[in-house]
Every structure is written in C-alpha cells, then in structure tokens.
C-alpha cells in the first residue's frame, strides 16, 4: 500500500460505478440512480462478489431501488 498523507487519504484499491433503474409505482416512469465510489474488496472476492455486494448495499441504502435493473456496472483498479 502506498504511503498516505493527510492531503491524500486512502481511496481504496478499486473504483466502481453502478447505475440502477426501476419502474415507479403506477407506471409514472422510472427511478434511475448512479452510485460511484471506491472499495477495497477482500482478496478472496471475485468481480461478481463485488457486484453482488454493491447491489445489496445500494438496495440497503435506497430500498426503493431494490431488485432494480442494472444498466451499467464498472469496476476498475483505482490507479492511472
């Protein structure tokens, strides 16, 4: 792990983007939400493990989007 300084806090080993869509009740359209951030997954996790954890965590944070359709998912090493 690189050395950290107060001006550059640890940002995780991976960056993610998750976009979910779900129909609104009564056919009033769709709710769409993007969520992005960073994560340092357990070394035993696979890409699918991270995906499933992120879906569950987003559903916990935004219950109205639980079981929504994933429109986009990206998981990349957090480096240039």
PDB file of N, CA and C in Angstrom:
ATOM      1  N   UNK A   1       0.852  -1.173   0.000  1.00  0.00           N
ATOM      2  CA  UNK A   1       0.000   0.000   0.000  1.00  0.00           C
ATOM      3  C   UNK A   1       0.897   1.235   0.000  1.00  0.00           C
ATOM      4  N   UNK A   2       0.598   2.235  -0.856  1.00  0.00           N
ATOM      5  CA  UNK A   2       1.407   3.444  -0.858  1.00  0.00           C
ATOM      6  C   UNK A   2       1.244   4.210   0.447  1.00  0.00           C
ATOM      7  N   UNK A   3       2.256   4.966   0.755  1.00  0.00           N
ATOM      8  CA  UNK A   3       2.200   5.798   1.963  1.00  0.00           C
ATOM      9  C   UNK A   3       1.109   6.848   1.802  1.00  0.00           C
ATOM     10  N   UNK A   4       0.394   7.121   2.869  1.00  0.00           N
ATOM     11  CA  UNK A   4      -0.697   8.092   2.828  1.00  0.00           C
ATOM     12  C   UNK A   4      -0.268   9.386   3.495  1.00  0.00           C
ATOM     13  N   UNK A   5      -0.789  10.478   2.989  1.00  0.00           N
ATOM     14  CA  UNK A   5      -0.573  11.780   3.608  1.00  0.00           C
ATOM     15  C   UNK A   5      -1.938  12.372   3.918  1.00  0.00           C
ATOM     16  N   UNK A   6      -2.013  13.331   4.853  1.00  0.00           N
ATOM     17  CA  UNK A   6      -3.316  13.928   5.173  1.00  0.00           C
ATOM     18  C   UNK A   6      -4.000  14.554   3.971  1.00  0.00           C
ATOM     19  N   UNK A   7      -3.234  15.051   3.004  1.00  0.00           N
ATOM     20  CA  UNK A   7      -3.849  15.679   1.834  1.00  0.00           C
ATOM     21  C   UNK A   7      -4.317  14.655   0.805  1.00  0.00           C
ATOM     22  N   UNK A   8      -3.915  13.385   0.985  1.00  0.00           N
ATOM     23  CA  UNK A   8      -4.319  12.343   0.051  1.00  0.00           C
ATOM     24  C   UNK A   8      -4.734  11.092   0.825  1.00  0.00           C
ATOM     25  N   UNK A   9      -5.966  11.096   1.339  1.00  0.00           N
ATOM     26  CA  UNK A   9      -6.420   9.932   2.113  1.00  0.00           C
ATOM     27  C   UNK A   9      -6.552   8.699   1.221  1.00  0.00           C
ATOM     28  N   UNK A  10      -6.490   7.533   1.834  1.00  0.00           N
ATOM     29  CA  UNK A  10      -6.652   6.275   1.099  1.00  0.00           C
ATOM     30  C   UNK A  10      -8.007   6.249   0.404  1.00  0.00           C
ATOM     31  N   UNK A  11      -8.003   5.886  -0.847  1.00  0.00           N
ATOM     32  CA  UNK A  11      -9.240   5.864  -1.616  1.00  0.00           C
ATOM     33  C   UNK A  11      -9.622   4.473  -2.088  1.00  0.00           C
ATOM     34  N   UNK A  12      -9.074   3.460  -1.535  1.00  0.00           N
ATOM     35  CA  UNK A  12      -9.443   2.108  -1.939  1.00  0.00           C
ATOM     36  C   UNK A  12      -8.646   1.634  -3.134  1.00  0.00           C
ATOM     37  N   UNK A  13      -8.659   0.351  -3.347  1.00  0.00           N
ATOM     38  CA  UNK A  13      -7.891  -0.228  -4.446  1.00  0.00           C
ATOM     39  C   UNK A  13      -8.664  -0.228  -5.764  1.00  0.00           C
ATOM     40  N   UNK A  14      -9.993  -0.104  -5.690  1.00  0.00           N
ATOM     41  CA  UNK A  14     -10.832  -0.147  -6.886  1.00  0.00           C
ATOM     42  C   UNK A  14     -11.858   0.992  -6.875  1.00  0.00           C
ATOM     43  N   UNK A  15     -12.184   1.476  -8.070  1.00  0.00           N
ATOM     44  CA  UNK A  15     -13.238   2.471  -8.247  1.00  0.00           C
ATOM     45  C   UNK A  15     -14.403   1.771  -8.941  1.00  0.00           C
ATOM     46  N   UNK A  16     -15.628   2.105  -8.524  1.00  0.00           N
ATOM     47  CA  UNK A  16     -16.803   1.469  -9.132  1.00  0.00           C
ATOM     48  C   UNK A  16     -17.835   2.502  -9.545  1.00  0.00           C
ATOM     49  N   UNK A  17     -18.662   2.110 -10.508  1.00  0.00           N
ATOM     50  CA  UNK A  17     -19.843   2.871 -10.914  1.00  0.00           C
ATOM     51  C   UNK A  17     -20.962   1.855 -11.079  1.00  0.00           C
ATOM     52  N   UNK A  18     -22.114   2.131 -10.485  1.00  0.00           N
ATOM     53  CA  UNK A  18     -23.279   1.248 -10.584  1.00  0.00           C
ATOM     54  C   UNK A  18     -24.494   2.111 -10.888  1.00  0.00           C
ATOM     55  N   UNK A  19     -25.176   1.805 -11.979  1.00  0.00           N
ATOM     56  CA  UNK A  19     -26.389   2.523 -12.368  1.00  0.00           C
ATOM     57  C   UNK A  19     -27.553   1.533 -12.371  1.00  0.00           C
ATOM     58  N   UNK A  20     -28.612   1.884 -11.649  1.00  0.00           N
ATOM     59  CA  UNK A  20     -29.778   1.012 -11.498  1.00  0.00           C
ATOM     60  C   UNK A  20     -31.035   1.768 -11.900  1.00  0.00           C
ATOM     61  N   UNK A  21     -31.960   1.062 -12.542  1.00  0.00           N
ATOM     62  CA  UNK A  21     -33.253   1.631 -12.941  1.00  0.00           C
ATOM     63  C   UNK A  21     -34.366   0.736 -12.436  1.00  0.00           C
ATOM     64  N   UNK A  22     -35.459   1.358 -12.001  1.00  0.00           N
ATOM     65  CA  UNK A  22     -36.620   0.587 -11.545  1.00  0.00           C
ATOM     66  C   UNK A  22     -37.884   1.365 -11.866  1.00  0.00           C
ATOM     67  N   UNK A  23     -38.938   0.670 -12.347  1.00  0.00           N
ATOM     68  CA  UNK A  23     -40.200   1.355 -12.627  1.00  0.00           C
ATOM     69  C   UNK A  23     -40.794   1.960 -11.353  1.00  0.00           C
ATOM     70  N   UNK A  24     -41.373   3.138 -11.500  1.00  0.00           N
ATOM     71  CA  UNK A  24     -42.079   3.776 -10.392  1.00  0.00           C
ATOM     72  C   UNK A  24     -43.472   3.179 -10.275  1.00  0.00           C
ATOM     73  N   UNK A  25     -44.042   3.191  -9.074  1.00  0.00           N
ATOM     74  CA  UNK A  25     -45.404   2.663  -8.894  1.00  0.00           C
ATOM     75  C   UNK A  25     -46.408   3.405  -9.778  1.00  0.00           C
ATOM     76  N   UNK A  26     -47.377   2.674 -10.264  1.00  0.00           N
ATOM     77  CA  UNK A  26     -48.448   3.281 -11.052  1.00  0.00           C
ATOM     78  C   UNK A  26     -48.048   3.659 -12.467  1.00  0.00           C
ATOM     79  N   UNK A  27     -46.907   3.179 -12.922  1.00  0.00           N
ATOM     80  CA  UNK A  27     -46.491   3.492 -14.289  1.00  0.00           C
ATOM     81  C   UNK A  27     -46.106   4.936 -14.497  1.00  0.00           C
ATOM     82  N   UNK A  28     -45.628   5.585 -13.438  1.00  0.00           N
ATOM     83  CA  UNK A  28     -45.298   7.009 -13.503  1.00  0.00           C
ATOM     84  C   UNK A  28     -43.886   7.270 -14.017  1.00  0.00           C
ATOM     85  N   UNK A  29     -43.272   6.298 -14.653  1.00  0.00           N
ATOM     86  CA  UNK A  29     -41.920   6.487 -15.167  1.00  0.00           C
ATOM     87  C   UNK A  29     -40.941   5.560 -14.470  1.00  0.00           C
ATOM     88  N   UNK A  30     -39.705   6.016 -14.403  1.00  0.00           N
ATOM     89  CA  UNK A  30     -38.642   5.206 -13.836  1.00  0.00           C
ATOM     90  C   UNK A  30     -37.801   6.010 -12.860  1.00  0.00           C
ATOM     91  N   UNK A  31     -37.326   5.324 -11.846  1.00  0.00           N
ATOM     92  CA  UNK A  31     -36.312   5.882 -10.954  1.00  0.00           C
ATOM     93  C   UNK A  31     -34.976   5.345 -11.443  1.00  0.00           C
ATOM     94  N   UNK A  32     -34.007   6.231 -11.608  1.00  0.00           N
ATOM     95  CA  UNK A  32     -32.667   5.845 -12.040  1.00  0.00           C
ATOM     96  C   UNK A  32     -31.674   6.467 -11.073  1.00  0.00           C
ATOM     97  N   UNK A  33     -30.700   5.673 -10.647  1.00  0.00           N
ATOM     98  CA  UNK A  33     -29.713   6.179  -9.705  1.00  0.00           C
ATOM     99  C   UNK A  33     -28.321   5.690 -10.074  1.00  0.00           C
ATOM    100  N   UNK A  34     -27.367   6.601 -10.041  1.00  0.00           N
ATOM    101  CA  UNK A  34     -25.956   6.274 -10.193  1.00  0.00           C
ATOM    102  C   UNK A  34     -25.315   6.276  -8.825  1.00  0.00           C
ATOM    103  N   UNK A  35     -24.369   5.398  -8.636  1.00  0.00           N
ATOM    104  CA  UNK A  35     -23.594   5.357  -7.410  1.00  0.00           C
ATOM    105  C   UNK A  35     -22.163   5.072  -7.815  1.00  0.00           C
ATOM    106  N   UNK A  36     -21.254   5.895  -7.355  1.00  0.00           N
ATOM    107  CA  UNK A  36     -19.844   5.654  -7.639  1.00  0.00           C
ATOM    108  C   UNK A  36     -19.043   5.881  -6.375  1.00  0.00           C
ATOM    109  N   UNK A  37     -17.907   5.247  -6.320  1.00  0.00           N
ATOM    110  CA  UNK A  37     -17.045   5.402  -5.161  1.00  0.00           C
ATOM    111  C   UNK A  37     -15.879   4.446  -5.257  1.00  0.00           C
ATOM    112  N   UNK A  38     -15.304   4.157  -4.138  1.00  0.00           N
ATOM    113  CA  UNK A  38     -14.163   3.254  -4.103  1.00  0.00           C
ATOM    114  C   UNK A  38     -14.387   2.173  -3.071  1.00  0.00           C
ATOM    115  N   UNK A  39     -13.671   1.076  -3.263  1.00  0.00           N
ATOM    116  CA  UNK A  39     -13.791  -0.072  -2.377  1.00  0.00           C
ATOM    117  C   UNK A  39     -12.454  -0.814  -2.369  1.00  0.00           C
ATOM    118  N   UNK A  40     -12.147  -1.395  -1.251  1.00  0.00           N
ATOM    119  CA  UNK A  40     -11.011  -2.314  -1.166  1.00  0.00           C
ATOM    120  C   UNK A  40     -11.596  -3.674  -0.802  1.00  0.00           C
ATOM    121  N   UNK A  41     -11.884  -4.490  -1.818  1.00  0.00           N
ATOM    122  CA  UNK A  41     -12.509  -5.781  -1.539  1.00  0.00           C
ATOM    123  C   UNK A  41     -11.534  -6.743  -0.875  1.00  0.00           C
ATOM    124  N   UNK A  42     -12.090  -7.707  -0.183  1.00  0.00           N
ATOM    125  CA  UNK A  42     -11.297  -8.785   0.382  1.00  0.00           C
ATOM    126  C   UNK A  42     -10.531  -9.468  -0.754  1.00  0.00           C
ATOM    127  N   UNK A  43      -9.334  -9.906  -0.483  1.00  0.00           N
ATOM    128  CA  UNK A  43      -8.505 -10.513  -1.531  1.00  0.00           C
ATOM    129  C   UNK A  43      -9.110 -11.793  -2.103  1.00  0.00           C
ATOM    130  N   UNK A  44     -10.034 -12.399  -1.387  1.00  0.00           N
ATOM    131  CA  UNK A  44     -10.668 -13.631  -1.889  1.00  0.00           C
ATOM    132  C   UNK A  44     -11.885 -13.339  -2.768  1.00  0.00           C
ATOM    133  N   UNK A  45     -12.345 -12.084  -2.796  1.00  0.00           N
ATOM    134  CA  UNK A  45     -13.527 -11.739  -3.579  1.00  0.00           C
ATOM    135  C   UNK A  45     -13.233 -11.762  -5.067  1.00  0.00           C
ATOM    136  N   UNK A  46     -14.260 -12.115  -5.833  1.00  0.00           N
ATOM    137  CA  UNK A  46     -14.201 -12.033  -7.286  1.00  0.00           C
ATOM    138  C   UNK A  46     -14.923 -10.750  -7.722  1.00  0.00           C
ATOM    139  N   UNK A  47     -14.851 -10.463  -9.004  1.00  0.00           N
ATOM    140  CA  UNK A  47     -15.592  -9.309  -9.547  1.00  0.00           C
ATOM    141  C   UNK A  47     -17.086  -9.479  -9.263  1.00  0.00           C
ATOM    142  N   UNK A  48     -17.591 -10.695  -9.411  1.00  0.00           N
ATOM    143  CA  UNK A  48     -19.007 -10.962  -9.138  1.00  0.00           C
ATOM    144  C   UNK A  48     -19.345 -10.739  -7.665  1.00  0.00           C
ATOM    145  N   UNK A  49     -18.448 -11.114  -6.770  1.00  0.00           N
ATOM    146  CA  UNK A  49     -18.682 -10.863  -5.343  1.00  0.00           C
ATOM    147  C   UNK A  49     -18.843  -9.372  -5.072  1.00  0.00           C
ATOM    148  N   UNK A  50     -17.987  -8.565  -5.682  1.00  0.00           N
ATOM    149  CA  UNK A  50     -18.075  -7.110  -5.510  1.00  0.00           C
ATOM    150  C   UNK A  50     -19.394  -6.599  -6.085  1.00  0.00           C
ATOM    151  N   UNK A  51     -19.753  -7.075  -7.270  1.00  0.00           N
ATOM    152  CA  UNK A  51     -21.006  -6.662  -7.906  1.00  0.00           C
ATOM    153  C   UNK A  51     -22.208  -6.972  -7.014  1.00  0.00           C
ATOM    154  N   UNK A  52     -22.280  -8.196  -6.508  1.00  0.00           N
ATOM    155  CA  UNK A  52     -23.407  -8.584  -5.654  1.00  0.00           C
ATOM    156  C   UNK A  52     -23.426  -7.787  -4.353  1.00  0.00           C
ATOM    157  N   UNK A  53     -22.250  -7.525  -3.774  1.00  0.00           N
ATOM    158  CA  UNK A  53     -22.188  -6.725  -2.553  1.00  0.00           C
ATOM    159  C   UNK A  53     -22.659  -5.307  -2.816  1.00  0.00           C
ATOM    160  N   UNK A  54     -22.220  -4.717  -3.927  1.00  0.00           N
ATOM    161  CA  UNK A  54     -22.633  -3.352  -4.261  1.00  0.00           C
ATOM    162  C   UNK A  54     -24.139  -3.266  -4.504  1.00  0.00           C
ATOM    163  N   UNK A  55     -24.709  -4.254  -5.216  1.00  0.00           N
ATOM    164  CA  UNK A  55     -26.164  -4.263  -5.425  1.00  0.00           C
ATOM    165  C   UNK A  55     -26.904  -4.335  -4.100  1.00  0.00           C
ATOM    166  N   UNK A  56     -26.452  -5.206  -3.206  1.00  0.00           N
ATOM    167  CA  UNK A  56     -27.101  -5.346  -1.898  1.00  0.00           C
ATOM    168  C   UNK A  56     -26.941  -4.079  -1.067  1.00  0.00           C
ATOM    169  N   UNK A  57     -25.773  -3.484  -1.117  1.00  0.00           N
ATOM    170  CA  UNK A  57     -25.529  -2.262  -0.344  1.00  0.00           C
ATOM    171  C   UNK A  57     -26.357  -1.106  -0.887  1.00  0.00           C
ATOM    172  N   UNK A  58     -26.464  -0.993  -2.207  1.00  0.00           N
ATOM    173  CA  UNK A  58     -27.293   0.064  -2.779  1.00  0.00           C
ATOM    174  C   UNK A  58     -28.759  -0.146  -2.394  1.00  0.00           C
ATOM    175  N   UNK A  59     -29.229  -1.388  -2.408  1.00  0.00           N
ATOM    176  CA  UNK A  59     -30.610  -1.684  -2.014  1.00  0.00           C
ATOM    177  C   UNK A  59     -30.837  -1.356  -0.540  1.00  0.00           C
ATOM    178  N   UNK A  60     -29.823  -1.582   0.286  1.00  0.00           N
ATOM    179  CA  UNK A  60     -29.940  -1.239   1.708  1.00  0.00           C
ATOM    180  C   UNK A  60     -30.032   0.275   1.890  1.00  0.00           C
ATOM    181  N   UNK A  61     -29.225   1.003   1.115  1.00  0.00           N
ATOM    182  CA  UNK A  61     -29.209   2.476   1.219  1.00  0.00           C
ATOM    183  C   UNK A  61     -30.415   3.116   0.547  1.00  0.00           C
ATOM    184  N   UNK A  62     -30.867   2.511  -0.533  1.00  0.00           N
ATOM    185  CA  UNK A  62     -32.008   3.035  -1.305  1.00  0.00           C
ATOM    186  C   UNK A  62     -32.988   1.897  -1.556  1.00  0.00           C
ATOM    187  N   UNK A  63     -33.814   1.553  -0.549  1.00  0.00           N
ATOM    188  CA  UNK A  63     -34.731   0.410  -0.688  1.00  0.00           C
ATOM    189  C   UNK A  63     -35.664   0.507  -1.888  1.00  0.00           C
ATOM    190  N   UNK A  64     -35.968   1.713  -2.320  1.00  0.00           N
ATOM    191  CA  UNK A  64     -36.866   1.877  -3.466  1.00  0.00           C
ATOM    192  C   UNK A  64     -36.241   1.354  -4.761  1.00  0.00           C
ATOM    193  N   UNK A  65     -34.932   1.122  -4.759  1.00  0.00           N
ATOM    194  CA  UNK A  65     -34.250   0.601  -5.947  1.00  0.00           C
ATOM    195  C   UNK A  65     -33.923  -0.888  -5.853  1.00  0.00           C
ATOM    196  N   UNK A  66     -34.323  -1.521  -4.758  1.00  0.00           N
ATOM    197  CA  UNK A  66     -34.049  -2.955  -4.591  1.00  0.00           C
ATOM    198  C   UNK A  66     -34.639  -3.730  -5.761  1.00  0.00           C
ATOM    199  N   UNK A  67     -33.920  -4.701  -6.255  1.00  0.00           N
ATOM    200  CA  UNK A  67     -34.336  -5.533  -7.392  1.00  0.00           C
ATOM    201  C   UNK A  67     -34.493  -4.749  -8.687  1.00  0.00           C
ATOM    202  N   UNK A  68     -33.843  -3.602  -8.768  1.00  0.00           N
ATOM    203  CA  UNK A  68     -33.874  -2.828  -9.999  1.00  0.00           C
ATOM    204  C   UNK A  68     -32.985  -3.450 -11.067  1.00  0.00           C
ATOM    205  N   UNK A  69     -33.128  -2.971 -12.272  1.00  0.00           N
ATOM    206  CA  UNK A  69     -32.345  -3.445 -13.410  1.00  0.00           C
ATOM    207  C   UNK A  69     -31.017  -2.684 -13.452  1.00  0.00           C
ATOM    208  N   UNK A  70     -29.918  -3.403 -13.473  1.00  0.00           N
ATOM    209  CA  UNK A  70     -28.607  -2.763 -13.561  1.00  0.00           C
ATOM    210  C   UNK A  70     -28.375  -2.347 -15.015  1.00  0.00           C
ATOM    211  N   UNK A  71     -28.225  -1.044 -15.210  1.00  0.00           N
ATOM    212  CA  UNK A  71     -27.977  -0.516 -16.547  1.00  0.00           C
ATOM    213  C   UNK A  71     -26.497  -0.449 -16.861  1.00  0.00           C
ATOM    214  N   UNK A  72     -25.684  -0.250 -15.816  1.00  0.00           N
ATOM    215  CA  UNK A  72     -24.246  -0.106 -16.031  1.00  0.00           C
ATOM    216  C   UNK A  72     -23.509  -0.511 -14.766  1.00  0.00           C
ATOM    217  N   UNK A  73     -22.395  -1.208 -14.947  1.00  0.00           N
ATOM    218  CA  UNK A  73     -21.521  -1.554 -13.835  1.00  0.00           C
ATOM    219  C   UNK A  73     -20.083  -1.507 -14.336  1.00  0.00           C
ATOM    220  N   UNK A  74     -19.235  -0.827 -13.602  1.00  0.00           N
ATOM    221  CA  UNK A  74     -17.816  -0.795 -13.913  1.00  0.00           C
ATOM    222  C   UNK A  74     -17.041  -0.960 -12.624  1.00  0.00           C
ATOM    223  N   UNK A  75     -15.968  -1.713 -12.691  1.00  0.00           N
ATOM    224  CA  UNK A  75     -15.068  -1.913 -11.557  1.00  0.00           C
ATOM    225  C   UNK A  75     -13.661  -1.946 -12.111  1.00  0.00           C
ATOM    226  N   UNK A  76     -12.859  -0.978 -11.707  1.00  0.00           N
ATOM    227  CA  UNK A  76     -11.502  -0.853 -12.223  1.00  0.00           C
ATOM    228  C   UNK A  76     -10.533  -0.604 -11.087  1.00  0.00           C
ATOM    229  N   UNK A  77      -9.272  -0.974 -11.298  1.00  0.00           N
ATOM    230  CA  UNK A  77      -8.230  -0.623 -10.339  1.00  0.00           C
ATOM    231  C   UNK A  77      -8.213   0.899 -10.207  1.00  0.00           C
ATOM    232  N   UNK A  78      -8.050   1.384  -9.007  1.00  0.00           N
ATOM    233  CA  UNK A  78      -8.075   2.822  -8.746  1.00  0.00           C
ATOM    234  C   UNK A  78      -6.675   3.400  -8.911  1.00  0.00           C
ATOM    235  N   UNK A  79      -6.232   3.409 -10.137  1.00  0.00           N
ATOM    236  CA  UNK A  79      -4.913   3.964 -10.451  1.00  0.00           C
ATOM    237  C   UNK A  79      -4.926   4.494 -11.872  1.00  0.00           C
ATOM    238  N   UNK A  80      -3.969   5.340 -12.172  1.00  0.00           N
ATOM    239  CA  UNK A  80      -3.846   5.859 -13.536  1.00  0.00           C
ATOM    240  C   UNK A  80      -2.773   5.098 -14.275  1.00  0.00           C
TER     241      UNK A  80
END
